[in-house]
Amino acid sequence: MARWEPDARRRLQDAALALFAQHGFEQTTAKQIAEQAGLTERTFFRHFGDKREVLFGNEAAVTAALVDGVAGAPARASTATAIEAGLRAAARDMQPRRPFLRRFAALVDEHPELRERELIKQRTMSAALAEALGARGLDAVQAQLAAEFAIVVMRLGFEQWLARGEKRELEEIVADVLARRPL
């Protein structure tokens, strides 16, 4: 087996999804995922802590895009404008992974332990976003409320984006969901 192969993380993620679909999440091991990707089990654990994390390996990049989008909004921009900038940045980050994320979402829906991990991911994103909004001058309650709202908008947009037959880009869908805010 080669010592180094390009794009090991993506290959491990693709292999994991294929094996989870074929054999089931519980029955698939990290070793099997690594072998399917043409890598070693040691390489798997260099990239991911466990087989659940192979599915959530892009979480940090999406969170960073969300936070960077908010932080990069003009200083005088409203909270709503800053949140929209963050949501659009996160949507652009996720757009190229639509096929992976469709399979990912289906797998998460089937497994309670993955749904639990998805909720943890959303909470982590919300906390990071609240911190970025706090840096823009919101008090802690306002920042957390705005961050939770943004995560709900992202989740609703994400669900629509993954729907069968949906052709629009995630950024457009998220903007549409955000525009429908009831308050």
N, C-alpha and C. Protein backbone atom coordinates (compact mmCIF):
# COMPACT_ATOMS: atom_id res chain seq x y z
N MET A 1 0.84 -1.17 0.00
CA MET A 1 0.00 0.00 0.00
C MET A 1 0.89 1.24 0.00
N ALA A 2 0.57 2.22 -0.80
CA ALA A 2 1.37 3.43 -0.91
C ALA A 2 1.38 4.18 0.42
N ARG A 3 2.51 4.81 0.71
CA ARG A 3 2.64 5.55 1.96
C ARG A 3 1.83 6.85 1.92
N TRP A 4 1.72 7.45 0.74
CA TRP A 4 0.98 8.71 0.64
C TRP A 4 0.16 8.70 -0.63
N GLU A 5 -1.06 9.06 -0.50
CA GLU A 5 -1.96 9.19 -1.64
C GLU A 5 -2.68 10.52 -1.49
N PRO A 6 -2.93 11.21 -2.59
CA PRO A 6 -3.61 12.50 -2.48
C PRO A 6 -5.06 12.37 -2.04
N ASP A 7 -5.54 13.41 -1.34
CA ASP A 7 -6.94 13.54 -0.95
C ASP A 7 -7.44 12.37 -0.09
N ALA A 8 -6.64 11.99 0.88
CA ALA A 8 -7.00 10.85 1.73
C ALA A 8 -8.32 11.09 2.48
N ARG A 9 -8.53 12.29 3.00
CA ARG A 9 -9.77 12.57 3.76
C ARG A 9 -11.01 12.32 2.91
N ARG A 10 -11.03 12.89 1.72
CA ARG A 10 -12.18 12.73 0.84
C ARG A 10 -12.37 11.26 0.48
N ARG A 11 -11.28 10.57 0.19
CA ARG A 11 -11.38 9.15 -0.16
C ARG A 11 -11.93 8.34 1.00
N LEU A 12 -11.49 8.64 2.20
CA LEU A 12 -12.02 7.94 3.38
C LEU A 12 -13.50 8.23 3.56
N GLN A 13 -13.90 9.48 3.35
CA GLN A 13 -15.31 9.83 3.49
C GLN A 13 -16.16 9.11 2.44
N ASP A 14 -15.70 9.10 1.20
CA ASP A 14 -16.44 8.42 0.15
C ASP A 14 -16.53 6.91 0.41
N ALA A 15 -15.43 6.34 0.85
CA ALA A 15 -15.43 4.90 1.15
C ALA A 15 -16.38 4.59 2.31
N ALA A 16 -16.38 5.44 3.31
CA ALA A 16 -17.26 5.22 4.46
C ALA A 16 -18.73 5.24 4.03
N LEU A 17 -19.10 6.23 3.25
CA LEU A 17 -20.49 6.29 2.80
C LEU A 17 -20.87 5.06 2.00
N ALA A 18 -19.99 4.63 1.12
CA ALA A 18 -20.29 3.44 0.31
C ALA A 18 -20.45 2.20 1.19
N LEU A 19 -19.55 2.02 2.13
CA LEU A 19 -19.62 0.85 3.01
C LEU A 19 -20.81 0.91 3.96
N PHE A 20 -21.11 2.10 4.48
CA PHE A 20 -22.27 2.24 5.36
C PHE A 20 -23.55 1.87 4.61
N ALA A 21 -23.64 2.28 3.36
CA ALA A 21 -24.82 1.96 2.55
C ALA A 21 -24.89 0.47 2.25
N GLN A 22 -23.73 -0.14 2.02
CA GLN A 22 -23.68 -1.54 1.63
C GLN A 22 -23.86 -2.48 2.82
N HIS A 23 -23.17 -2.19 3.93
CA HIS A 23 -23.13 -3.12 5.06
C HIS A 23 -23.82 -2.60 6.32
N GLY A 24 -24.14 -1.32 6.33
CA GLY A 24 -24.72 -0.73 7.53
C GLY A 24 -23.67 -0.01 8.35
N PHE A 25 -24.10 1.00 9.05
CA PHE A 25 -23.17 1.81 9.85
C PHE A 25 -22.52 0.98 10.95
N GLU A 26 -23.34 0.25 11.71
CA GLU A 26 -22.82 -0.50 12.86
C GLU A 26 -21.84 -1.59 12.45
N GLN A 27 -22.07 -2.22 11.30
CA GLN A 27 -21.26 -3.35 10.88
C GLN A 27 -19.94 -2.94 10.21
N THR A 28 -19.81 -1.69 9.85
CA THR A 28 -18.60 -1.24 9.14
C THR A 28 -17.55 -0.77 10.14
N THR A 29 -16.31 -1.18 9.91
CA THR A 29 -15.21 -0.80 10.81
C THR A 29 -14.31 0.25 10.14
N ALA A 30 -13.54 0.92 10.96
CA ALA A 30 -12.57 1.90 10.46
C ALA A 30 -11.56 1.20 9.54
N LYS A 31 -11.17 -0.01 9.89
CA LYS A 31 -10.23 -0.76 9.06
C LYS A 31 -10.81 -1.02 7.67
N GLN A 32 -12.07 -1.42 7.61
CA GLN A 32 -12.72 -1.65 6.32
C GLN A 32 -12.78 -0.37 5.49
N ILE A 33 -13.08 0.73 6.14
CA ILE A 33 -13.13 2.02 5.44
C ILE A 33 -11.77 2.35 4.85
N ALA A 34 -10.74 2.20 5.65
CA ALA A 34 -9.38 2.49 5.18
C ALA A 34 -9.00 1.60 4.01
N GLU A 35 -9.29 0.32 4.12
CA GLU A 35 -8.97 -0.61 3.04
C GLU A 35 -9.72 -0.25 1.76
N GLN A 36 -11.00 0.09 1.89
CA GLN A 36 -11.80 0.48 0.72
C GLN A 36 -11.21 1.72 0.04
N ALA A 37 -10.64 2.62 0.84
CA ALA A 37 -10.04 3.85 0.32
C ALA A 37 -8.61 3.63 -0.18
N GLY A 38 -8.08 2.41 0.02
CA GLY A 38 -6.70 2.12 -0.39
C GLY A 38 -5.68 2.72 0.57
N LEU A 39 -6.07 2.85 1.83
CA LEU A 39 -5.20 3.44 2.85
C LEU A 39 -5.10 2.49 4.04
N THR A 40 -4.29 2.86 4.99
CA THR A 40 -4.13 2.05 6.19
C THR A 40 -5.07 2.53 7.28
N GLU A 41 -5.33 1.65 8.23
CA GLU A 41 -6.16 2.03 9.37
C GLU A 41 -5.49 3.17 10.15
N ARG A 42 -4.19 3.15 10.21
CA ARG A 42 -3.45 4.22 10.89
C ARG A 42 -3.72 5.57 10.21
N THR A 43 -3.77 5.57 8.89
CA THR A 43 -4.07 6.80 8.17
C THR A 43 -5.49 7.27 8.49
N PHE A 44 -6.42 6.32 8.58
CA PHE A 44 -7.78 6.68 8.96
C PHE A 44 -7.76 7.46 10.27
N PHE A 45 -7.08 6.92 11.28
CA PHE A 45 -7.09 7.54 12.61
C PHE A 45 -6.22 8.81 12.67
N ARG A 46 -5.39 9.02 11.69
CA ARG A 46 -4.68 10.30 11.58
C ARG A 46 -5.66 11.40 11.19
N HIS A 47 -6.67 11.04 10.45
CA HIS A 47 -7.63 12.03 9.95
C HIS A 47 -8.90 12.12 10.78
N PHE A 48 -9.33 11.01 11.38
CA PHE A 48 -10.61 10.97 12.07
C PHE A 48 -10.49 10.19 13.37
N GLY A 49 -11.22 10.65 14.39
CA GLY A 49 -11.18 9.99 15.69
C GLY A 49 -11.92 8.67 15.72
N ASP A 50 -12.99 8.56 14.94
CA ASP A 50 -13.76 7.32 14.88
C ASP A 50 -14.60 7.34 13.61
N LYS A 51 -15.37 6.28 13.40
CA LYS A 51 -16.11 6.17 12.13
C LYS A 51 -17.25 7.18 12.04
N ARG A 52 -17.76 7.67 13.17
CA ARG A 52 -18.77 8.73 13.09
C ARG A 52 -18.15 10.02 12.55
N GLU A 53 -16.94 10.29 12.99
CA GLU A 53 -16.29 11.54 12.62
C GLU A 53 -15.93 11.60 11.13
N VAL A 54 -15.80 10.45 10.48
CA VAL A 54 -15.51 10.46 9.05
C VAL A 54 -16.65 11.15 8.30
N LEU A 55 -17.85 11.05 8.82
CA LEU A 55 -19.00 11.70 8.19
C LEU A 55 -19.06 13.20 8.48
N PHE A 56 -18.52 13.59 9.60
CA PHE A 56 -18.61 14.98 10.03
C PHE A 56 -17.29 15.73 9.85
N GLY A 57 -16.45 15.22 8.99
CA GLY A 57 -15.11 15.77 8.80
C GLY A 57 -15.05 17.15 8.19
N ASN A 58 -16.13 17.64 7.62
CA ASN A 58 -16.13 18.97 7.01
C ASN A 58 -16.74 20.02 7.93
N GLU A 59 -17.10 19.62 9.12
CA GLU A 59 -17.75 20.51 10.07
C GLU A 59 -16.92 21.77 10.34
N ALA A 60 -15.64 21.62 10.56
CA ALA A 60 -14.80 22.77 10.89
C ALA A 60 -14.75 23.77 9.74
N ALA A 61 -14.70 23.28 8.51
CA ALA A 61 -14.65 24.19 7.35
C ALA A 61 -15.94 24.97 7.20
N VAL A 62 -17.07 24.31 7.40
CA VAL A 62 -18.36 25.00 7.28
C VAL A 62 -18.50 26.03 8.40
N THR A 63 -18.12 25.64 9.61
CA THR A 63 -18.18 26.58 10.74
C THR A 63 -17.28 27.78 10.48
N ALA A 64 -16.08 27.53 9.99
CA ALA A 64 -15.15 28.62 9.70
C ALA A 64 -15.72 29.55 8.63
N ALA A 65 -16.33 29.00 7.60
CA ALA A 65 -16.93 29.83 6.54
C ALA A 65 -18.05 30.69 7.13
N LEU A 66 -18.88 30.11 7.96
CA LEU A 66 -19.99 30.82 8.59
C LEU A 66 -19.46 31.97 9.44
N VAL A 67 -18.51 31.67 10.31
CA VAL A 67 -17.94 32.68 11.21
C VAL A 67 -17.18 33.75 10.43
N ASP A 68 -16.39 33.32 9.46
CA ASP A 68 -15.62 34.28 8.66
C ASP A 68 -16.54 35.20 7.86
N GLY A 69 -17.65 34.66 7.37
CA GLY A 69 -18.61 35.48 6.65
C GLY A 69 -19.20 36.56 7.54
N VAL A 70 -19.55 36.21 8.77
CA VAL A 70 -20.07 37.18 9.73
C VAL A 70 -19.00 38.20 10.09
N ALA A 71 -17.81 37.72 10.39
CA ALA A 71 -16.72 38.62 10.78
C ALA A 71 -16.31 39.55 9.64
N GLY A 72 -16.45 39.08 8.42
CA GLY A 72 -16.05 39.88 7.27
C GLY A 72 -17.09 40.87 6.79
N ALA A 73 -18.29 40.83 7.36
CA ALA A 73 -19.31 41.80 6.99
C ALA A 73 -18.86 43.18 7.44
N PRO A 74 -19.23 44.23 6.71
CA PRO A 74 -18.83 45.59 7.11
C PRO A 74 -19.21 45.88 8.56
N ALA A 75 -18.37 46.63 9.24
CA ALA A 75 -18.57 46.92 10.66
C ALA A 75 -19.93 47.57 10.92
N ARG A 76 -20.40 48.38 10.02
CA ARG A 76 -21.68 49.07 10.21
C ARG A 76 -22.89 48.23 9.74
N ALA A 77 -22.64 47.05 9.23
CA ALA A 77 -23.73 46.20 8.74
C ALA A 77 -24.62 45.78 9.90
N SER A 78 -25.89 45.62 9.62
CA SER A 78 -26.82 45.14 10.64
C SER A 78 -26.50 43.68 10.98
N THR A 79 -27.04 43.23 12.09
CA THR A 79 -26.87 41.83 12.48
C THR A 79 -27.44 40.92 11.40
N ALA A 80 -28.59 41.27 10.86
CA ALA A 80 -29.21 40.45 9.81
C ALA A 80 -28.31 40.36 8.58
N THR A 81 -27.69 41.46 8.20
CA THR A 81 -26.80 41.47 7.04
C THR A 81 -25.56 40.63 7.32
N ALA A 82 -25.02 40.72 8.52
CA ALA A 82 -23.84 39.93 8.89
C ALA A 82 -24.18 38.44 8.89
N ILE A 83 -25.34 38.10 9.44
CA ILE A 83 -25.76 36.69 9.44
C ILE A 83 -25.95 36.20 8.02
N GLU A 84 -26.56 36.99 7.18
CA GLU A 84 -26.75 36.58 5.79
C GLU A 84 -25.40 36.35 5.11
N ALA A 85 -24.43 37.20 5.38
CA ALA A 85 -23.09 37.02 4.80
C ALA A 85 -22.48 35.69 5.26
N GLY A 86 -22.65 35.37 6.54
CA GLY A 86 -22.14 34.11 7.06
C GLY A 86 -22.84 32.91 6.46
N LEU A 87 -24.17 32.98 6.37
CA LEU A 87 -24.93 31.87 5.80
C LEU A 87 -24.57 31.64 4.33
N ARG A 88 -24.41 32.72 3.59
CA ARG A 88 -24.05 32.59 2.18
C ARG A 88 -22.65 31.97 2.04
N ALA A 89 -21.72 32.37 2.90
CA ALA A 89 -20.37 31.81 2.84
C ALA A 89 -20.39 30.32 3.16
N ALA A 90 -21.15 29.92 4.18
CA ALA A 90 -21.25 28.50 4.53
C ALA A 90 -21.90 27.72 3.39
N ALA A 91 -22.92 28.30 2.78
CA ALA A 91 -23.61 27.63 1.66
C ALA A 91 -22.65 27.43 0.48
N ARG A 92 -21.84 28.44 0.19
CA ARG A 92 -20.86 28.29 -0.91
C ARG A 92 -19.85 27.20 -0.58
N ASP A 93 -19.49 27.08 0.68
CA ASP A 93 -18.55 26.04 1.08
C ASP A 93 -19.14 24.64 0.88
N MET A 94 -20.41 24.49 1.16
CA MET A 94 -21.06 23.17 1.08
C MET A 94 -21.49 22.80 -0.33
N GLN A 95 -21.73 23.76 -1.19
CA GLN A 95 -22.30 23.51 -2.52
C GLN A 95 -21.59 22.40 -3.30
N PRO A 96 -20.25 22.40 -3.37
CA PRO A 96 -19.60 21.35 -4.18
C PRO A 96 -19.77 19.94 -3.63
N ARG A 97 -20.20 19.82 -2.39
CA ARG A 97 -20.33 18.50 -1.76
C ARG A 97 -21.77 17.99 -1.75
N ARG A 98 -22.61 18.53 -2.59
CA ARG A 98 -24.03 18.14 -2.60
C ARG A 98 -24.24 16.63 -2.73
N PRO A 99 -23.59 15.94 -3.67
CA PRO A 99 -23.82 14.48 -3.75
C PRO A 99 -23.44 13.75 -2.45
N PHE A 100 -22.30 14.10 -1.88
CA PHE A 100 -21.89 13.50 -0.61
C PHE A 100 -22.91 13.82 0.47
N LEU A 101 -23.33 15.08 0.55
CA LEU A 101 -24.23 15.50 1.62
C LEU A 101 -25.62 14.89 1.48
N ARG A 102 -26.05 14.59 0.27
CA ARG A 102 -27.33 13.89 0.10
C ARG A 102 -27.25 12.50 0.74
N ARG A 103 -26.17 11.80 0.46
CA ARG A 103 -26.00 10.46 1.04
C ARG A 103 -25.79 10.55 2.54
N PHE A 104 -25.04 11.56 2.97
CA PHE A 104 -24.79 11.79 4.40
C PHE A 104 -26.11 12.00 5.14
N ALA A 105 -26.97 12.89 4.62
CA ALA A 105 -28.23 13.20 5.29
C ALA A 105 -29.12 11.97 5.39
N ALA A 106 -29.16 11.16 4.35
CA ALA A 106 -29.96 9.93 4.40
C ALA A 106 -29.44 8.99 5.48
N LEU A 107 -28.14 8.88 5.59
CA LEU A 107 -27.54 8.01 6.60
C LEU A 107 -27.83 8.53 8.01
N VAL A 108 -27.69 9.84 8.21
CA VAL A 108 -27.97 10.44 9.52
C VAL A 108 -29.42 10.18 9.92
N ASP A 109 -30.32 10.32 8.98
CA ASP A 109 -31.74 10.09 9.28
C ASP A 109 -32.01 8.67 9.77
N GLU A 110 -31.21 7.71 9.32
CA GLU A 110 -31.42 6.30 9.67
C GLU A 110 -30.85 5.90 11.03
N HIS A 111 -29.93 6.69 11.59
CA HIS A 111 -29.21 6.26 12.78
C HIS A 111 -29.29 7.28 13.91
N PRO A 112 -29.90 6.90 15.03
CA PRO A 112 -30.03 7.83 16.15
C PRO A 112 -28.70 8.40 16.64
N GLU A 113 -27.65 7.59 16.66
CA GLU A 113 -26.35 8.08 17.14
C GLU A 113 -25.77 9.13 16.21
N LEU A 114 -26.11 9.06 14.93
CA LEU A 114 -25.66 10.07 13.98
C LEU A 114 -26.52 11.33 14.07
N ARG A 115 -27.80 11.15 14.35
CA ARG A 115 -28.65 12.33 14.57
C ARG A 115 -28.18 13.09 15.80
N GLU A 116 -27.78 12.35 16.82
CA GLU A 116 -27.25 12.99 18.02
C GLU A 116 -25.97 13.77 17.68
N ARG A 117 -25.10 13.18 16.91
CA ARG A 117 -23.86 13.86 16.52
C ARG A 117 -24.15 15.09 15.66
N GLU A 118 -25.18 15.01 14.82
CA GLU A 118 -25.59 16.15 14.00
C GLU A 118 -26.06 17.30 14.88
N LEU A 119 -26.80 17.01 15.93
CA LEU A 119 -27.24 18.05 16.86
C LEU A 119 -26.05 18.67 17.59
N ILE A 120 -25.08 17.87 17.94
CA ILE A 120 -23.87 18.40 18.57
C ILE A 120 -23.15 19.33 17.60
N LYS A 121 -23.08 18.94 16.33
CA LYS A 121 -22.46 19.78 15.31
C LYS A 121 -23.18 21.13 15.22
N GLN A 122 -24.50 21.10 15.19
CA GLN A 122 -25.26 22.34 15.08
C GLN A 122 -25.03 23.22 16.31
N ARG A 123 -24.94 22.61 17.48
CA ARG A 123 -24.70 23.38 18.71
C ARG A 123 -23.32 24.01 18.69
N THR A 124 -22.34 23.29 18.19
CA THR A 124 -20.97 23.81 18.08
C THR A 124 -20.93 24.99 17.12
N MET A 125 -21.62 24.85 15.98
CA MET A 125 -21.68 25.94 15.01
C MET A 125 -22.37 27.16 15.62
N SER A 126 -23.45 26.93 16.34
CA SER A 126 -24.18 28.02 16.96
C SER A 126 -23.30 28.77 17.97
N ALA A 127 -22.56 28.04 18.78
CA ALA A 127 -21.68 28.67 19.77
C ALA A 127 -20.60 29.51 19.10
N ALA A 128 -20.01 28.99 18.03
CA ALA A 128 -18.98 29.74 17.30
C ALA A 128 -19.58 31.00 16.67
N LEU A 129 -20.77 30.86 16.12
CA LEU A 129 -21.44 32.00 15.51
C LEU A 129 -21.82 33.04 16.57
N ALA A 130 -22.30 32.60 17.71
CA ALA A 130 -22.64 33.53 18.80
C ALA A 130 -21.41 34.31 19.24
N GLU A 131 -20.29 33.65 19.29
CA GLU A 131 -19.05 34.33 19.66
C GLU A 131 -18.69 35.41 18.63
N ALA A 132 -18.83 35.08 17.35
CA ALA A 132 -18.55 36.06 16.29
C ALA A 132 -19.53 37.23 16.35
N LEU A 133 -20.78 36.95 16.66
CA LEU A 133 -21.77 38.03 16.77
C LEU A 133 -21.51 38.87 18.01
N GLY A 134 -21.05 38.24 19.08
CA GLY A 134 -20.66 38.99 20.27
C GLY A 134 -19.51 39.94 19.99
N ALA A 135 -18.59 39.51 19.16
CA ALA A 135 -17.46 40.36 18.77
C ALA A 135 -17.92 41.56 17.96
N ARG A 136 -19.10 41.46 17.36
CA ARG A 136 -19.68 42.57 16.60
C ARG A 136 -20.49 43.51 17.50
N GLY A 137 -20.58 43.19 18.80
CA GLY A 137 -21.22 44.10 19.73
C GLY A 137 -22.54 43.64 20.32
N LEU A 138 -23.02 42.46 19.94
CA LEU A 138 -24.26 41.98 20.54
C LEU A 138 -23.99 41.46 21.95
N ASP A 139 -24.96 41.63 22.85
CA ASP A 139 -24.78 41.03 24.17
C ASP A 139 -24.97 39.52 24.05
N ALA A 140 -24.65 38.79 25.09
CA ALA A 140 -24.62 37.32 25.02
C ALA A 140 -25.97 36.72 24.63
N VAL A 141 -27.06 37.25 25.17
CA VAL A 141 -28.39 36.70 24.86
C VAL A 141 -28.74 37.00 23.40
N GLN A 142 -28.52 38.23 22.96
CA GLN A 142 -28.81 38.58 21.57
C GLN A 142 -27.97 37.73 20.61
N ALA A 143 -26.71 37.58 20.94
CA ALA A 143 -25.80 36.81 20.07
C ALA A 143 -26.26 35.36 19.97
N GLN A 144 -26.62 34.75 21.10
CA GLN A 144 -27.06 33.36 21.08
C GLN A 144 -28.39 33.20 20.34
N LEU A 145 -29.30 34.12 20.56
CA LEU A 145 -30.59 34.07 19.87
C LEU A 145 -30.39 34.20 18.36
N ALA A 146 -29.58 35.15 17.94
CA ALA A 146 -29.31 35.35 16.51
C ALA A 146 -28.61 34.13 15.92
N ALA A 147 -27.68 33.55 16.66
CA ALA A 147 -26.95 32.38 16.18
C ALA A 147 -27.89 31.18 16.02
N GLU A 148 -28.75 30.96 16.99
CA GLU A 148 -29.70 29.85 16.90
C GLU A 148 -30.63 30.05 15.70
N PHE A 149 -31.08 31.27 15.49
CA PHE A 149 -31.92 31.57 14.34
C PHE A 149 -31.18 31.23 13.04
N ALA A 150 -29.92 31.62 12.95
CA ALA A 150 -29.13 31.35 11.74
C ALA A 150 -28.99 29.85 11.50
N ILE A 151 -28.80 29.09 12.54
CA ILE A 151 -28.66 27.63 12.39
C ILE A 151 -29.98 27.03 11.91
N VAL A 152 -31.10 27.52 12.39
CA VAL A 152 -32.40 27.03 11.91
C VAL A 152 -32.56 27.36 10.43
N VAL A 153 -32.19 28.57 10.04
CA VAL A 153 -32.27 28.95 8.62
C VAL A 153 -31.40 28.02 7.79
N MET A 154 -30.19 27.76 8.25
CA MET A 154 -29.28 26.87 7.52
C MET A 154 -29.87 25.46 7.42
N ARG A 155 -30.41 24.96 8.51
CA ARG A 155 -30.98 23.61 8.50
C ARG A 155 -32.17 23.51 7.54
N LEU A 156 -33.06 24.49 7.58
CA LEU A 156 -34.22 24.47 6.68
C LEU A 156 -33.78 24.58 5.22
N GLY A 157 -32.82 25.44 4.95
CA GLY A 157 -32.29 25.56 3.60
C GLY A 157 -31.63 24.28 3.15
N PHE A 158 -30.86 23.68 4.03
CA PHE A 158 -30.15 22.43 3.74
C PHE A 158 -31.15 21.33 3.37
N GLU A 159 -32.21 21.20 4.16
CA GLU A 159 -33.22 20.17 3.89
C GLU A 159 -33.88 20.39 2.53
N GLN A 160 -34.20 21.63 2.20
CA GLN A 160 -34.80 21.91 0.89
C GLN A 160 -33.82 21.61 -0.24
N TRP A 161 -32.57 21.99 -0.05
CA TRP A 161 -31.53 21.82 -1.05
C TRP A 161 -31.32 20.35 -1.40
N LEU A 162 -31.48 19.48 -0.41
CA LEU A 162 -31.25 18.06 -0.63
C LEU A 162 -32.49 17.32 -1.16
N ALA A 163 -33.61 18.02 -1.23
CA ALA A 163 -34.84 17.38 -1.69
C ALA A 163 -34.70 16.89 -3.13
N ARG A 164 -35.32 15.76 -3.40
CA ARG A 164 -35.30 15.17 -4.74
C ARG A 164 -35.81 16.20 -5.76
N GLY A 165 -35.06 16.36 -6.82
CA GLY A 165 -35.45 17.26 -7.90
C GLY A 165 -35.06 18.71 -7.70
N GLU A 166 -34.57 19.06 -6.53
CA GLU A 166 -34.17 20.45 -6.27
C GLU A 166 -32.91 20.78 -7.06
N LYS A 167 -32.96 21.83 -7.84
CA LYS A 167 -31.82 22.21 -8.69
C LYS A 167 -31.11 23.48 -8.22
N ARG A 168 -31.79 24.29 -7.42
CA ARG A 168 -31.19 25.56 -7.00
C ARG A 168 -29.96 25.33 -6.12
N GLU A 169 -29.09 26.31 -6.11
CA GLU A 169 -27.91 26.25 -5.25
C GLU A 169 -28.31 26.55 -3.82
N LEU A 170 -27.54 26.04 -2.89
CA LEU A 170 -27.84 26.22 -1.47
C LEU A 170 -27.87 27.70 -1.09
N GLU A 171 -26.98 28.47 -1.61
CA GLU A 171 -26.93 29.90 -1.28
C GLU A 171 -28.26 30.59 -1.62
N GLU A 172 -28.83 30.26 -2.76
CA GLU A 172 -30.12 30.84 -3.17
C GLU A 172 -31.24 30.38 -2.23
N ILE A 173 -31.24 29.12 -1.89
CA ILE A 173 -32.29 28.59 -1.01
C ILE A 173 -32.19 29.21 0.37
N VAL A 174 -30.98 29.31 0.90
CA VAL A 174 -30.80 29.91 2.23
C VAL A 174 -31.27 31.36 2.22
N ALA A 175 -30.97 32.09 1.16
CA ALA A 175 -31.43 33.48 1.05
C ALA A 175 -32.95 33.53 1.03
N ASP A 176 -33.58 32.59 0.33
CA ASP A 176 -35.05 32.54 0.29
C ASP A 176 -35.62 32.24 1.67
N VAL A 177 -35.04 31.30 2.38
CA VAL A 177 -35.51 30.97 3.73
C VAL A 177 -35.33 32.17 4.64
N LEU A 178 -34.19 32.81 4.58
CA LEU A 178 -33.92 33.98 5.42
C LEU A 178 -34.91 35.10 5.13
N ALA A 179 -35.27 35.28 3.88
CA ALA A 179 -36.21 36.33 3.51
C ALA A 179 -37.61 36.08 4.06
N ARG A 180 -37.91 34.87 4.43
CA ARG A 180 -39.24 34.51 4.94
C ARG A 180 -39.35 34.62 6.46
N ARG A 181 -38.32 35.18 7.09
CA ARG A 181 -38.33 35.27 8.57
C ARG A 181 -39.61 35.96 9.03
N PRO A 182 -40.22 35.42 10.08
CA PRO A 182 -41.51 35.92 10.52
C PRO A 182 -41.41 37.17 11.40
N LEU A 183 -40.24 37.49 11.88
CA LEU A 183 -40.10 38.62 12.82
C LEU A 183 -39.48 39.82 12.15
